[in-house]
């Protein structure tokens, strides 16, 4: 029974993680990853500091249901995005 519980837990956990080739987008509102003309706001943008704007990266990420805390200067530019994501790995 414990094995089945573990197996289902792992399936749920792994189903939440996605891998994709995305384009890094940076502006004064933060860092985003773009796929199919849709932007996703990155909560842990420090993982993408070494990557340039419009550079293509392969990442694994999870969707975040809660808004990220803004850090430092926040400009008044509006940047539309689908939802928040947290980057797990960058390849």
Protein backbone atom coordinates (compact mmCIF):
# COMPACT_ATOMS: atom_id res chain seq x y z
CA UNK A 1 0.00 0.00 0.00
CA UNK A 2 2.82 2.41 0.83
CA UNK A 3 4.38 1.71 -2.56
CA UNK A 4 1.15 2.64 -4.36
CA UNK A 5 0.87 5.87 -2.38
CA UNK A 6 4.48 6.70 -3.25
CA UNK A 7 3.90 5.85 -6.91
CA UNK A 8 0.83 8.10 -7.18
CA UNK A 9 2.62 10.91 -5.36
CA UNK A 10 5.52 10.75 -7.80
CA UNK A 11 3.17 10.74 -10.78
CA UNK A 12 1.44 13.87 -9.52
CA UNK A 13 4.75 15.58 -8.76
CA UNK A 14 6.25 14.76 -12.14
CA UNK A 15 3.15 15.77 -14.04
CA UNK A 16 3.46 19.31 -12.68
CA UNK A 17 7.00 19.75 -14.02
CA UNK A 18 7.36 20.66 -17.67
CA UNK A 19 10.34 20.98 -20.00
CA UNK A 20 10.46 23.36 -22.95
CA UNK A 21 12.64 25.50 -25.20
CA UNK A 22 11.73 29.09 -24.37
CA UNK A 23 12.96 32.60 -25.17
CA UNK A 24 14.23 34.78 -22.32
CA UNK A 25 12.48 38.18 -22.22
CA UNK A 26 13.76 40.88 -19.86
CA UNK A 27 12.34 44.32 -19.16
CA UNK A 28 11.94 46.63 -16.18
CA UNK A 29 8.98 44.58 -14.89
CA UNK A 30 11.03 41.39 -14.56
CA UNK A 31 12.10 38.29 -16.43
CA UNK A 32 9.75 36.23 -18.58
CA UNK A 33 9.99 33.10 -20.67
CA UNK A 34 8.15 33.07 -23.99
CA UNK A 35 6.70 30.05 -25.78
CA UNK A 36 4.25 30.17 -28.70
CA UNK A 37 3.83 33.97 -28.34
CA UNK A 38 2.81 33.61 -24.68
CA UNK A 39 4.88 35.01 -21.83
CA UNK A 40 5.29 33.43 -18.40
CA UNK A 41 6.64 35.50 -15.49
CA UNK A 42 9.61 33.89 -13.75
CA UNK A 43 9.53 34.04 -9.94
CA UNK A 44 13.15 32.98 -9.41
CA UNK A 45 14.67 35.12 -12.14
CA UNK A 46 18.16 35.03 -10.59
CA UNK A 47 18.62 31.64 -12.31
CA UNK A 48 18.43 33.48 -15.65
CA UNK A 49 20.76 36.40 -14.82
CA UNK A 50 23.55 35.10 -17.07
CA UNK A 51 21.26 34.76 -20.09
CA UNK A 52 20.67 37.60 -22.54
CA UNK A 53 17.34 39.03 -23.64
CA UNK A 54 15.87 36.98 -26.53
CA UNK A 55 18.23 34.05 -25.91
CA UNK A 56 16.72 30.57 -26.34
CA UNK A 57 17.10 28.26 -23.33
CA UNK A 58 15.84 24.78 -22.47
CA UNK A 59 14.30 24.75 -19.02
CA UNK A 60 12.24 22.64 -16.70
CA UNK A 61 9.65 24.58 -14.75
CA UNK A 62 6.54 24.37 -12.61
CA UNK A 63 3.51 26.60 -12.54
CA UNK A 64 3.12 28.77 -9.44
CA UNK A 65 -0.38 29.65 -8.29
CA UNK A 66 0.62 32.58 -6.09
CA UNK A 67 2.06 35.90 -7.21
CA UNK A 68 5.81 36.43 -6.88
CA UNK A 69 7.08 39.07 -4.49
CA UNK A 70 8.46 42.05 -6.41
CA UNK A 71 12.05 42.86 -5.45
CA UNK A 72 13.82 46.18 -5.86
CA UNK A 73 12.66 48.73 -8.40
CA UNK A 74 9.29 48.04 -10.03
CA UNK A 75 8.40 50.12 -13.07
CA UNK A 76 4.87 51.00 -14.15
CA UNK A 77 5.08 49.24 -17.52
CA UNK A 78 2.34 46.65 -18.05
CA UNK A 79 3.64 43.30 -19.30
CA UNK A 80 0.86 40.82 -19.99
CA UNK A 81 1.62 37.20 -19.10
CA UNK A 82 -0.21 33.89 -18.73
CA UNK A 83 0.87 32.85 -15.23
CA UNK A 84 3.82 32.68 -12.85
CA UNK A 85 6.42 29.93 -13.17
CA UNK A 86 9.40 28.76 -11.15
CA UNK A 87 12.43 27.57 -13.09
CA UNK A 88 13.89 24.32 -11.78
CA UNK A 89 16.77 23.75 -14.20
CA UNK A 90 18.34 25.56 -17.16
CA UNK A 91 20.20 23.56 -19.79
